[in-house]
Amino acid sequence: MQEVEVCPRCSHEFPARKAIVSGGMRFGYYRLHDKGPMVCCPHCLHVFKPETLRLFGFLHPDAMRWIVPVLLTLCFAVAFFHKNWG
């Protein structure tokens, strides 16, 4: 499934995945200043934050900032309890 992004400046439609300029998520100090994934309009070259782009098909990129630490904490908790009381 292709996410179609619409440029806020020129209203041009384009596939979001092919127009990613910067992506991913940074931890630590850079997390405070990182804007997350950005896309570039191939028509007017305007760079902006995507609205339709999803990670794994359903997760909004901003949700990854909370889901990854929660999953890591759960994994460590399960390993700790399994080692001590399992």
Protein backbone atom coordinates (compact mmCIF):
# COMPACT_ATOMS: atom_id res chain seq x y z
CA MET A 1 0.00 0.00 0.00
CA GLN A 2 1.40 3.36 -1.01
CA GLU A 3 0.81 6.37 1.18
CA VAL A 4 0.01 9.39 -0.96
CA GLU A 5 1.22 12.67 0.47
CA VAL A 6 -0.11 16.08 -0.57
CA CYS A 7 2.25 19.03 -0.55
CA PRO A 8 0.87 21.91 1.57
CA ARG A 9 2.50 24.48 -0.70
CA CYS A 10 1.60 23.35 -4.23
CA SER A 11 -1.03 20.59 -3.62
CA HIS A 12 0.98 18.09 -5.67
CA GLU A 13 0.32 14.42 -4.81
CA PHE A 14 3.25 12.00 -4.60
CA PRO A 15 4.19 8.71 -2.88
CA ALA A 16 5.49 9.51 0.61
CA ARG A 17 7.96 6.62 0.87
CA LYS A 18 9.88 7.66 -2.25
CA ALA A 19 10.21 11.27 -1.06
CA ILE A 20 11.67 10.72 2.42
CA VAL A 21 14.53 13.15 3.01
CA SER A 22 15.36 12.34 6.64
CA GLY A 23 13.91 9.51 8.59
CA GLY A 24 14.16 7.50 11.70
CA MET A 25 14.19 8.45 15.30
CA ARG A 26 17.08 9.59 17.45
CA PHE A 27 17.51 9.05 21.16
CA GLY A 28 19.18 11.18 23.80
CA TYR A 29 20.08 14.79 23.16
CA TYR A 30 19.08 14.75 19.49
CA ARG A 31 15.59 13.53 20.36
CA LEU A 32 14.69 16.97 21.68
CA HIS A 33 15.63 18.70 18.44
CA ASP A 34 14.68 16.05 15.89
CA LYS A 35 11.56 16.72 13.85
CA GLY A 36 11.18 13.08 12.84
CA PRO A 37 10.81 11.91 9.26
CA MET A 38 10.60 14.63 6.62
CA VAL A 39 9.53 14.39 2.97
CA CYS A 40 10.41 16.59 0.03
CA CYS A 41 7.88 17.48 -2.66
CA PRO A 42 9.33 16.49 -6.05
CA HIS A 43 7.43 19.32 -7.74
CA CYS A 44 8.31 22.43 -5.66
CA LEU A 45 11.05 20.92 -3.39
CA HIS A 46 9.23 21.99 -0.22
CA VAL A 47 10.35 19.93 2.81
CA PHE A 48 7.69 19.16 5.41
CA LYS A 49 6.56 16.61 8.00
CA PRO A 50 4.39 13.89 6.41
CA GLU A 51 0.81 13.38 7.54
CA THR A 52 0.06 9.98 5.96
CA LEU A 53 3.37 8.16 6.44
CA ARG A 54 3.08 5.16 8.79
CA LEU A 55 5.73 2.85 10.19
CA PHE A 56 4.96 -0.86 9.90
CA GLY A 57 1.78 0.16 8.08
CA PHE A 58 -0.10 1.45 11.15
CA LEU A 59 2.17 3.39 13.54
CA HIS A 60 2.51 7.13 13.29
CA PRO A 61 6.21 8.14 13.52
CA ASP A 62 5.57 10.16 16.70
CA ALA A 63 4.16 7.05 18.40
CA MET A 64 7.51 5.28 18.01
CA ARG A 65 9.03 7.64 20.59
CA TRP A 66 6.82 6.02 23.24
CA ILE A 67 6.33 2.47 21.97
CA VAL A 68 10.00 1.47 21.67
CA PRO A 69 10.94 2.37 25.28
CA VAL A 70 7.77 0.70 26.61
CA LEU A 71 8.51 -2.51 24.69
CA LEU A 72 12.12 -2.54 25.92
CA THR A 73 10.96 -2.05 29.51
CA LEU A 74 8.48 -4.91 29.17
CA CYS A 75 11.15 -7.22 27.75
CA PHE A 76 13.52 -6.46 30.63
CA ALA A 77 10.74 -6.94 33.18
CA VAL A 78 9.73 -10.31 31.74
CA ALA A 79 13.38 -11.44 31.64
CA PHE A 80 13.93 -10.30 35.24
CA PHE A 81 10.85 -12.07 36.60
CA HIS A 82 11.55 -15.20 34.59
CA LYS A 83 15.12 -15.37 35.91
CA ASN A 84 14.21 -14.80 39.56
CA TRP A 85 10.84 -16.54 39.91
CA GLY A 86 10.49 -18.68 36.79
